[in-house]
Amino acid sequence: QVQLQESGGGSVQSGGSLRLSCVVSGYMDGRECLAWFRQAPGKEREGVAHVDSDGRTNYADSMWGRFTISRDNAKSTLYLQMNSLKPEDTAMYYCAADRDGDGFCKLPIIPLWYEDWGQGTQVTVSS
C-alpha cells in the first residue's frame, strides 16, 4: 500500500505561483507513474500532468508552459510548480500513483489508471 500526502496549496492572486509537494510513503520501487489531478466544485476530476520513472512528462493542454511536474525519488516526493496562475486553476489538487505501469505512464491522464490517492490540497486563485 502507498500513502500520499499533499502540501503547498493556498490562496494567490492571478499571475502568482505556487509549488505543490506530495510525499509518497509505503511500498515504492521508483517505477511508479506519479500524477497530479485537480477537481473544481461541480466538475469532474481532471488530469494535470504525469511523470514516469525516467522523468518523462506529459501535461494537459491548458497546463503546457505554465505548470512543471517533477519527482525526486530519493526524497519520495512529487512536485508541481505552477506559474501564471489563473482563477480557473482554482481547485482541489490531488497526487496519485499508478503502480502497474512498469515504469511508464498511460495516456490519457485519467483517474482510472491510478490506485492510490492523497487527500488533496486546495488552491484558490483570485482575480
Protein backbone atom coordinates (compact mmCIF):
# COMPACT_ATOMS: atom_id res chain seq x y z
CA GLN A 1 0.00 0.00 0.00
CA VAL A 2 1.12 3.51 -0.81
CA GLN A 3 0.21 6.66 1.09
CA LEU A 4 0.38 10.11 -0.45
CA GLN A 5 0.26 13.46 1.35
CA GLU A 6 -0.02 16.75 -0.50
CA SER A 7 1.02 20.18 0.77
CA GLY A 8 1.73 23.63 -0.57
CA GLY A 9 -1.74 24.80 -1.53
CA GLY A 10 -3.02 28.23 -0.64
CA SER A 11 -4.54 31.45 -1.92
CA VAL A 12 -2.78 33.60 -4.52
CA GLN A 13 -3.67 36.36 -6.90
CA SER A 14 -3.94 35.88 -10.63
CA GLY A 15 -0.48 35.66 -12.17
CA GLY A 16 1.06 34.27 -9.00
CA SER A 17 2.87 30.99 -8.38
CA LEU A 18 2.62 28.04 -6.05
CA ARG A 19 4.64 24.88 -5.60
CA LEU A 20 2.80 21.76 -4.52
CA SER A 21 4.54 18.80 -2.93
CA CYS A 22 3.40 15.23 -2.44
CA VAL A 23 5.29 12.91 -0.12
CA VAL A 24 4.86 9.26 -1.03
CA SER A 25 5.34 6.60 1.62
CA GLY A 26 4.85 2.87 1.79
CA TYR A 27 5.90 0.39 -0.86
CA MET A 28 7.60 2.13 -3.75
CA ASP A 29 10.27 0.89 -6.12
CA GLY A 30 10.66 4.10 -8.12
CA ARG A 31 8.88 2.62 -11.13
CA GLU A 32 5.51 4.12 -10.32
CA CYS A 33 3.86 6.64 -12.56
CA LEU A 34 3.03 9.70 -10.47
CA ALA A 35 0.48 12.31 -11.42
CA TRP A 36 -1.36 15.41 -10.37
CA PHE A 37 -5.10 15.82 -10.80
CA ARG A 38 -7.46 18.60 -9.84
CA GLN A 39 -11.15 18.93 -9.16
CA ALA A 40 -13.15 22.12 -9.04
CA PRO A 41 -16.57 22.26 -7.34
CA GLY A 42 -19.23 20.71 -9.53
CA LYS A 43 -16.71 19.40 -12.04
CA GLU A 44 -15.10 16.06 -12.76
CA ARG A 45 -11.57 15.29 -11.64
CA GLU A 46 -9.18 16.16 -14.46
CA GLY A 47 -5.61 15.19 -15.14
CA VAL A 48 -2.98 17.91 -14.84
CA ALA A 49 0.30 16.12 -15.55
CA HIS A 50 2.18 12.88 -15.03
CA VAL A 51 5.80 11.81 -14.76
CA ASP A 52 7.21 8.32 -15.27
CA SER A 53 10.14 6.62 -13.58
CA ASP A 54 12.63 8.12 -16.07
CA GLY A 55 11.29 11.65 -15.66
CA ARG A 56 9.31 11.78 -18.90
CA THR A 57 6.33 14.07 -18.54
CA ASN A 58 3.02 14.86 -20.12
CA TYR A 59 0.59 17.68 -19.43
CA ALA A 60 -2.99 18.55 -20.07
CA ASP A 61 -3.22 21.05 -22.90
CA SER A 62 -4.18 24.03 -20.73
CA MET A 63 -1.16 23.48 -18.42
CA TRP A 64 1.60 23.41 -21.01
CA GLY A 65 4.12 26.18 -20.39
CA ARG A 66 2.66 27.15 -17.02
CA PHE A 67 2.98 24.02 -14.88
CA THR A 68 6.01 21.81 -14.34
CA ILE A 69 5.83 18.35 -12.78
CA SER A 70 8.90 16.70 -11.32
CA ARG A 71 9.85 13.92 -8.93
CA ASP A 72 12.69 13.26 -6.54
CA ASN A 73 12.83 9.52 -5.98
CA ALA A 74 15.50 9.87 -3.29
CA LYS A 75 13.08 12.01 -1.28
CA SER A 76 9.99 10.07 -2.39
CA THR A 77 8.43 13.38 -3.33
CA LEU A 78 6.43 14.61 -6.29
CA TYR A 79 6.23 18.31 -7.13
CA LEU A 80 4.07 20.61 -9.20
CA GLN A 81 5.38 24.09 -9.90
CA MET A 82 2.50 26.30 -11.01
CA ASN A 83 3.19 29.69 -12.58
CA SER A 84 0.97 32.33 -14.18
CA LEU A 85 -1.98 31.05 -12.20
CA LYS A 86 -5.48 31.95 -13.33
CA PRO A 87 -8.80 31.99 -11.45
CA GLU A 88 -9.84 28.93 -13.46
CA ASP A 89 -6.98 26.99 -11.84
CA THR A 90 -8.89 27.15 -8.55
CA ALA A 91 -9.49 23.56 -7.44
CA MET A 92 -8.52 20.84 -5.02
CA TYR A 93 -5.28 19.31 -6.25
CA TYR A 94 -4.54 15.62 -5.74
CA CYS A 95 -1.47 13.49 -6.29
CA ALA A 96 -1.83 9.89 -7.39
CA ALA A 97 0.29 6.80 -8.01
CA ASP A 98 -0.02 4.05 -10.60
CA ARG A 99 1.99 1.01 -9.54
CA ASP A 100 1.01 -1.13 -12.51
CA GLY A 101 2.68 0.71 -15.35
CA ASP A 102 6.10 -0.96 -15.08
CA GLY A 103 7.82 2.42 -15.10
CA PHE A 104 5.64 4.02 -17.77
CA CYS A 105 2.65 6.31 -17.62
CA LYS A 106 -0.53 5.60 -19.53
CA LEU A 107 -2.36 8.07 -21.72
CA PRO A 108 -4.65 9.87 -21.45
CA ILE A 109 -4.14 11.25 -17.95
CA ILE A 110 -7.30 9.92 -16.34
CA PRO A 111 -8.12 8.77 -12.80
CA LEU A 112 -8.85 5.23 -13.99
CA TRP A 113 -5.15 4.29 -14.13
CA TYR A 114 -4.33 5.31 -10.54
CA GLU A 115 -4.76 3.13 -7.47
CA ASP A 116 -3.51 5.39 -4.72
CA TRP A 117 -4.57 8.95 -3.94
CA GLY A 118 -3.77 11.70 -1.49
CA GLN A 119 -6.35 13.74 0.41
CA GLY A 120 -5.81 16.87 -1.66
CA THR A 121 -4.60 20.42 -1.14
CA GLN A 122 -6.72 23.47 -2.00
CA VAL A 123 -5.52 26.06 -4.49
CA THR A 124 -7.50 29.30 -4.78
CA VAL A 125 -6.63 31.96 -7.35
CA SER A 126 -8.32 35.34 -7.10
CA SER A 127 -8.63 37.87 -9.91
